[in-house]
């Protein structure tokens, strides 16, 4: 099921990602949800797609926080 806003994202996403990364996750997840609507394991697949999108622009630092790639 697509998310309506970042406030609806799972805690596992909201608690670790900064807001811009949450927005990337949301957009990628919702796009994948439309693309793979009839796929059997789509929730897990959409989550994987969303994390891949986040990791294109953000990296987890040694401090445990996510930072924009420089």
PDB file of N, CA and C in Angstrom:
ATOM      1  N   UNK A   1       0.839  -1.178   0.000  1.00  0.00           N
ATOM      2  CA  UNK A   1       0.000   0.000   0.000  1.00  0.00           C
ATOM      3  C   UNK A   1       0.884   1.241   0.000  1.00  0.00           C
ATOM      4  N   UNK A   2       0.632   2.186  -0.883  1.00  0.00           N
ATOM      5  CA  UNK A   2       1.462   3.397  -0.935  1.00  0.00           C
ATOM      6  C   UNK A   2       1.298   4.244   0.330  1.00  0.00           C
ATOM      7  N   UNK A   3       2.332   5.003   0.619  1.00  0.00           N
ATOM      8  CA  UNK A   3       2.301   5.897   1.778  1.00  0.00           C
ATOM      9  C   UNK A   3       1.831   7.272   1.329  1.00  0.00           C
ATOM     10  N   UNK A   4       0.990   7.919   2.150  1.00  0.00           N
ATOM     11  CA  UNK A   4       0.466   9.240   1.805  1.00  0.00           C
ATOM     12  C   UNK A   4       1.456  10.350   2.132  1.00  0.00           C
ATOM     13  N   UNK A   5       2.228  10.173   3.184  1.00  0.00           N
ATOM     14  CA  UNK A   5       3.219  11.180   3.563  1.00  0.00           C
ATOM     15  C   UNK A   5       4.317  10.526   4.378  1.00  0.00           C
ATOM     16  N   UNK A   6       5.383  11.282   4.645  1.00  0.00           N
ATOM     17  CA  UNK A   6       6.490  10.705   5.404  1.00  0.00           C
ATOM     18  C   UNK A   6       6.071  10.359   6.832  1.00  0.00           C
ATOM     19  N   UNK A   7       5.024  10.990   7.329  1.00  0.00           N
ATOM     20  CA  UNK A   7       4.551  10.658   8.682  1.00  0.00           C
ATOM     21  C   UNK A   7       3.960   9.256   8.738  1.00  0.00           C
ATOM     22  N   UNK A   8       3.620   8.695   7.593  1.00  0.00           N
ATOM     23  CA  UNK A   8       3.066   7.345   7.531  1.00  0.00           C
ATOM     24  C   UNK A   8       4.132   6.263   7.330  1.00  0.00           C
ATOM     25  N   UNK A   9       5.382   6.681   7.117  1.00  0.00           N
ATOM     26  CA  UNK A   9       6.449   5.707   6.903  1.00  0.00           C
ATOM     27  C   UNK A   9       6.678   4.889   8.167  1.00  0.00           C
ATOM     28  N   UNK A  10       7.210   3.687   8.017  1.00  0.00           N
ATOM     29  CA  UNK A  10       7.503   2.864   9.202  1.00  0.00           C
ATOM     30  C   UNK A  10       8.516   3.568  10.117  1.00  0.00           C
ATOM     31  N   UNK A  11       8.426   3.297  11.399  1.00  0.00           N
ATOM     32  CA  UNK A  11       9.367   3.865  12.361  1.00  0.00           C
ATOM     33  C   UNK A  11      10.804   3.534  11.992  1.00  0.00           C
ATOM     34  N   UNK A  12      11.023   2.360  11.436  1.00  0.00           N
ATOM     35  CA  UNK A  12      12.377   1.940  11.070  1.00  0.00           C
ATOM     36  C   UNK A  12      12.981   2.848  10.004  1.00  0.00           C
ATOM     37  N   UNK A  13      12.154   3.573   9.289  1.00  0.00           N
ATOM     38  CA  UNK A  13      12.624   4.534   8.286  1.00  0.00           C
ATOM     39  C   UNK A  13      12.672   5.934   8.908  1.00  0.00           C
ATOM     40  N   UNK A  14      11.601   6.339   9.544  1.00  0.00           N
ATOM     41  CA  UNK A  14      11.510   7.693  10.102  1.00  0.00           C
ATOM     42  C   UNK A  14      12.532   7.959  11.197  1.00  0.00           C
ATOM     43  N   UNK A  15      12.852   6.944  11.980  1.00  0.00           N
ATOM     44  CA  UNK A  15      13.757   7.150  13.111  1.00  0.00           C
ATOM     45  C   UNK A  15      15.228   7.213  12.710  1.00  0.00           C
ATOM     46  N   UNK A  16      15.563   6.764  11.495  1.00  0.00           N
ATOM     47  CA  UNK A  16      16.973   6.742  11.110  1.00  0.00           C
ATOM     48  C   UNK A  16      17.333   7.704   9.982  1.00  0.00           C
ATOM     49  N   UNK A  17      16.387   8.035   9.137  1.00  0.00           N
ATOM     50  CA  UNK A  17      16.685   8.869   7.971  1.00  0.00           C
ATOM     51  C   UNK A  17      16.308  10.326   8.200  1.00  0.00           C
ATOM     52  N   UNK A  18      17.130  11.252   7.698  1.00  0.00           N
ATOM     53  CA  UNK A  18      16.732  12.663   7.727  1.00  0.00           C
ATOM     54  C   UNK A  18      15.553  12.876   6.760  1.00  0.00           C
ATOM     55  N   UNK A  19      14.838  13.954   6.941  1.00  0.00           N
ATOM     56  CA  UNK A  19      13.629  14.217   6.153  1.00  0.00           C
ATOM     57  C   UNK A  19      13.857  14.135   4.638  1.00  0.00           C
ATOM     58  N   UNK A  20      14.920  14.733   4.085  1.00  0.00           N
ATOM     59  CA  UNK A  20      15.094  14.613   2.630  1.00  0.00           C
ATOM     60  C   UNK A  20      15.230  13.148   2.170  1.00  0.00           C
ATOM     61  N   UNK A  21      15.879  12.322   2.964  1.00  0.00           N
ATOM     62  CA  UNK A  21      16.020  10.908   2.624  1.00  0.00           C
ATOM     63  C   UNK A  21      14.673  10.181   2.773  1.00  0.00           C
ATOM     64  N   UNK A  22      13.885  10.600   3.734  1.00  0.00           N
ATOM     65  CA  UNK A  22      12.548  10.023   3.895  1.00  0.00           C
ATOM     66  C   UNK A  22      11.685  10.331   2.672  1.00  0.00           C
ATOM     67  N   UNK A  23      11.837  11.530   2.140  1.00  0.00           N
ATOM     68  CA  UNK A  23      11.078  11.914   0.946  1.00  0.00           C
ATOM     69  C   UNK A  23      11.494  11.071  -0.255  1.00  0.00           C
ATOM     70  N   UNK A  24      12.788  10.781  -0.367  1.00  0.00           N
ATOM     71  CA  UNK A  24      13.267   9.902  -1.442  1.00  0.00           C
ATOM     72  C   UNK A  24      12.694   8.507  -1.259  1.00  0.00           C
ATOM     73  N   UNK A  25      12.749   8.004  -0.037  1.00  0.00           N
ATOM     74  CA  UNK A  25      12.205   6.675   0.265  1.00  0.00           C
ATOM     75  C   UNK A  25      10.725   6.615  -0.115  1.00  0.00           C
ATOM     76  N   UNK A  26       9.967   7.609   0.306  1.00  0.00           N
ATOM     77  CA  UNK A  26       8.528   7.665   0.032  1.00  0.00           C
ATOM     78  C   UNK A  26       8.252   7.627  -1.468  1.00  0.00           C
ATOM     79  N   UNK A  27       8.924   8.480  -2.220  1.00  0.00           N
ATOM     80  CA  UNK A  27       8.695   8.544  -3.666  1.00  0.00           C
ATOM     81  C   UNK A  27       9.074   7.231  -4.348  1.00  0.00           C
ATOM     82  N   UNK A  28      10.218   6.672  -3.968  1.00  0.00           N
ATOM     83  CA  UNK A  28      10.666   5.424  -4.589  1.00  0.00           C
ATOM     84  C   UNK A  28       9.749   4.262  -4.221  1.00  0.00           C
ATOM     85  N   UNK A  29       9.348   4.197  -2.967  1.00  0.00           N
ATOM     86  CA  UNK A  29       8.456   3.124  -2.526  1.00  0.00           C
ATOM     87  C   UNK A  29       7.136   3.199  -3.284  1.00  0.00           C
ATOM     88  N   UNK A  30       6.547   4.380  -3.342  1.00  0.00           N
ATOM     89  CA  UNK A  30       5.250   4.527  -4.007  1.00  0.00           C
ATOM     90  C   UNK A  30       5.345   4.233  -5.504  1.00  0.00           C
ATOM     91  N   UNK A  31       6.438   4.638  -6.130  1.00  0.00           N
ATOM     92  CA  UNK A  31       6.620   4.341  -7.549  1.00  0.00           C
ATOM     93  C   UNK A  31       6.741   2.827  -7.755  1.00  0.00           C
ATOM     94  N   UNK A  32       7.539   2.181  -6.921  1.00  0.00           N
ATOM     95  CA  UNK A  32       7.708   0.722  -7.024  1.00  0.00           C
ATOM     96  C   UNK A  32       6.387   0.009  -6.748  1.00  0.00           C
ATOM     97  N   UNK A  33       5.605   0.551  -5.829  1.00  0.00           N
ATOM     98  CA  UNK A  33       4.309  -0.057  -5.501  1.00  0.00           C
ATOM     99  C   UNK A  33       3.401  -0.071  -6.728  1.00  0.00           C
ATOM    100  N   UNK A  34       3.434   0.984  -7.499  1.00  0.00           N
ATOM    101  CA  UNK A  34       2.644   1.039  -8.732  1.00  0.00           C
ATOM    102  C   UNK A  34       3.209   0.081  -9.777  1.00  0.00           C
ATOM    103  N   UNK A  35       4.534   0.055  -9.868  1.00  0.00           N
ATOM    104  CA  UNK A  35       5.210  -0.776 -10.871  1.00  0.00           C
ATOM    105  C   UNK A  35       5.022  -2.271 -10.616  1.00  0.00           C
ATOM    106  N   UNK A  36       5.055  -2.665  -9.349  1.00  0.00           N
ATOM    107  CA  UNK A  36       5.000  -4.087  -8.988  1.00  0.00           C
ATOM    108  C   UNK A  36       3.686  -4.462  -8.309  1.00  0.00           C
ATOM    109  N   UNK A  37       2.613  -3.780  -8.650  1.00  0.00           N
ATOM    110  CA  UNK A  37       1.315  -3.969  -8.005  1.00  0.00           C
ATOM    111  C   UNK A  37       0.882  -5.426  -7.929  1.00  0.00           C
ATOM    112  N   UNK A  38       1.159  -6.210  -8.944  1.00  0.00           N
ATOM    113  CA  UNK A  38       0.679  -7.598  -8.963  1.00  0.00           C
ATOM    114  C   UNK A  38       1.744  -8.592  -8.489  1.00  0.00           C
ATOM    115  N   UNK A  39       2.904  -8.107  -8.057  1.00  0.00           N
ATOM    116  CA  UNK A  39       3.988  -8.974  -7.602  1.00  0.00           C
ATOM    117  C   UNK A  39       3.649  -9.536  -6.221  1.00  0.00           C
ATOM    118  N   UNK A  40       3.907 -10.821  -6.016  1.00  0.00           N
ATOM    119  CA  UNK A  40       3.541 -11.497  -4.768  1.00  0.00           C
ATOM    120  C   UNK A  40       4.200 -10.891  -3.530  1.00  0.00           C
ATOM    121  N   UNK A  41       5.474 -10.616  -3.567  1.00  0.00           N
ATOM    122  CA  UNK A  41       6.170 -10.076  -2.396  1.00  0.00           C
ATOM    123  C   UNK A  41       6.460  -8.606  -2.525  1.00  0.00           C
ATOM    124  N   UNK A  42       5.477  -7.836  -2.981  1.00  0.00           N
ATOM    125  CA  UNK A  42       5.753  -6.452  -3.352  1.00  0.00           C
ATOM    126  C   UNK A  42       6.160  -5.549  -2.194  1.00  0.00           C
ATOM    127  N   UNK A  43       5.665  -5.776  -0.981  1.00  0.00           N
ATOM    128  CA  UNK A  43       6.052  -4.913   0.143  1.00  0.00           C
ATOM    129  C   UNK A  43       7.563  -4.961   0.361  1.00  0.00           C
ATOM    130  N   UNK A  44       8.118  -6.156   0.384  1.00  0.00           N
ATOM    131  CA  UNK A  44       9.552  -6.307   0.589  1.00  0.00           C
ATOM    132  C   UNK A  44      10.326  -5.753  -0.610  1.00  0.00           C
ATOM    133  N   UNK A  45       9.829  -6.010  -1.797  1.00  0.00           N
ATOM    134  CA  UNK A  45      10.470  -5.515  -3.007  1.00  0.00           C
ATOM    135  C   UNK A  45      10.466  -3.984  -3.029  1.00  0.00           C
ATOM    136  N   UNK A  46       9.341  -3.389  -2.702  1.00  0.00           N
ATOM    137  CA  UNK A  46       9.236  -1.924  -2.692  1.00  0.00           C
ATOM    138  C   UNK A  46      10.168  -1.320  -1.648  1.00  0.00           C
ATOM    139  N   UNK A  47      10.295  -1.967  -0.500  1.00  0.00           N
ATOM    140  CA  UNK A  47      11.207  -1.509   0.534  1.00  0.00           C
ATOM    141  C   UNK A  47      12.645  -1.550   0.024  1.00  0.00           C
ATOM    142  N   UNK A  48      13.022  -2.621  -0.652  1.00  0.00           N
ATOM    143  CA  UNK A  48      14.374  -2.740  -1.208  1.00  0.00           C
ATOM    144  C   UNK A  48      14.638  -1.646  -2.242  1.00  0.00           C
ATOM    145  N   UNK A  49      13.681  -1.418  -3.124  1.00  0.00           N
ATOM    146  CA  UNK A  49      13.817  -0.375  -4.144  1.00  0.00           C
ATOM    147  C   UNK A  49      13.985   0.994  -3.480  1.00  0.00           C
ATOM    148  N   UNK A  50      13.203   1.252  -2.462  1.00  0.00           N
ATOM    149  CA  UNK A  50      13.257   2.543  -1.770  1.00  0.00           C
ATOM    150  C   UNK A  50      14.614   2.750  -1.097  1.00  0.00           C
ATOM    151  N   UNK A  51      15.143   1.709  -0.455  1.00  0.00           N
ATOM    152  CA  UNK A  51      16.456   1.844   0.188  1.00  0.00           C
ATOM    153  C   UNK A  51      17.554   2.047  -0.847  1.00  0.00           C
ATOM    154  N   UNK A  52      17.456   1.388  -1.976  1.00  0.00           N
ATOM    155  CA  UNK A  52      18.446   1.586  -3.045  1.00  0.00           C
ATOM    156  C   UNK A  52      18.432   3.045  -3.493  1.00  0.00           C
ATOM    157  N   UNK A  53      17.245   3.613  -3.631  1.00  0.00           N
ATOM    158  CA  UNK A  53      17.126   5.018  -4.034  1.00  0.00           C
ATOM    159  C   UNK A  53      17.760   5.935  -2.991  1.00  0.00           C
ATOM    160  N   UNK A  54      17.510   5.663  -1.724  1.00  0.00           N
ATOM    161  CA  UNK A  54      18.087   6.478  -0.649  1.00  0.00           C
ATOM    162  C   UNK A  54      19.613   6.402  -0.705  1.00  0.00           C
ATOM    163  N   UNK A  55      20.138   5.183  -0.898  1.00  0.00           N
ATOM    164  CA  UNK A  55      21.590   4.984  -0.875  1.00  0.00           C
ATOM    165  C   UNK A  55      22.303   5.604  -2.075  1.00  0.00           C
ATOM    166  N   UNK A  56      21.564   6.008  -3.090  1.00  0.00           N
ATOM    167  CA  UNK A  56      22.174   6.714  -4.220  1.00  0.00           C
ATOM    168  C   UNK A  56      22.565   8.139  -3.835  1.00  0.00           C
ATOM    169  N   UNK A  57      21.880   8.715  -2.852  1.00  0.00           N
ATOM    170  CA  UNK A  57      22.142  10.102  -2.466  1.00  0.00           C
ATOM    171  C   UNK A  57      22.654  10.249  -1.037  1.00  0.00           C
ATOM    172  N   UNK A  58      22.445   9.234  -0.220  1.00  0.00           N
ATOM    173  CA  UNK A  58      22.840   9.299   1.188  1.00  0.00           C
ATOM    174  C   UNK A  58      23.731   8.117   1.540  1.00  0.00           C
ATOM    175  N   UNK A  59      24.563   8.332   2.551  1.00  0.00           N
ATOM    176  CA  UNK A  59      25.446   7.280   3.047  1.00  0.00           C
ATOM    177  C   UNK A  59      25.394   7.302   4.573  1.00  0.00           C
ATOM    178  N   UNK A  60      25.436   6.115   5.155  1.00  0.00           N
ATOM    179  CA  UNK A  60      25.436   6.032   6.608  1.00  0.00           C
ATOM    180  C   UNK A  60      26.855   6.271   7.101  1.00  0.00           C
ATOM    181  N   UNK A  61      27.020   7.285   7.932  1.00  0.00           N
ATOM    182  CA  UNK A  61      28.333   7.658   8.418  1.00  0.00           C
ATOM    183  C   UNK A  61      28.789   6.826   9.599  1.00  0.00           C
ATOM    184  N   UNK A  62      30.025   7.007   9.984  1.00  0.00           N
ATOM    185  CA  UNK A  62      30.581   6.276  11.129  1.00  0.00           C
ATOM    186  C   UNK A  62      29.884   6.686  12.430  1.00  0.00           C
ATOM    187  N   UNK A  63      29.181   7.809  12.399  1.00  0.00           N
ATOM    188  CA  UNK A  63      28.421   8.255  13.562  1.00  0.00           C
ATOM    189  C   UNK A  63      27.048   7.592  13.636  1.00  0.00           C
ATOM    190  N   UNK A  64      26.737   6.729  12.644  1.00  0.00           N
ATOM    191  CA  UNK A  64      25.461   6.021  12.631  1.00  0.00           C
ATOM    192  C   UNK A  64      24.326   6.806  12.000  1.00  0.00           C
ATOM    193  N   UNK A  65      24.614   8.033  11.560  1.00  0.00           N
ATOM    194  CA  UNK A  65      23.595   8.877  10.937  1.00  0.00           C
ATOM    195  C   UNK A  65      23.778   8.883   9.431  1.00  0.00           C
ATOM    196  N   UNK A  66      22.670   9.181   8.714  1.00  0.00           N
ATOM    197  CA  UNK A  66      22.702   9.236   7.263  1.00  0.00           C
ATOM    198  C   UNK A  66      23.043  10.647   6.808  1.00  0.00           C
ATOM    199  N   UNK A  67      23.995  10.736   5.868  1.00  0.00           N
ATOM    200  CA  UNK A  67      24.471  12.017   5.357  1.00  0.00           C
ATOM    201  C   UNK A  67      24.410  12.011   3.829  1.00  0.00           C
ATOM    202  N   UNK A  68      24.246  13.203   3.252  1.00  0.00           N
ATOM    203  CA  UNK A  68      24.263  13.350   1.799  1.00  0.00           C
ATOM    204  C   UNK A  68      25.653  12.982   1.289  1.00  0.00           C
ATOM    205  N   UNK A  69      25.698  12.209   0.187  1.00  0.00           N
ATOM    206  CA  UNK A  69      26.986  11.920  -0.464  1.00  0.00           C
ATOM    207  C   UNK A  69      27.637  13.230  -0.872  1.00  0.00           C
ATOM    208  N   UNK A  70      28.917  13.327  -0.674  1.00  0.00           N
ATOM    209  CA  UNK A  70      29.626  14.543  -1.109  1.00  0.00           C
ATOM    210  C   UNK A  70      30.535  14.240  -2.263  1.00  0.00           C
TER     211      UNK A  70
END
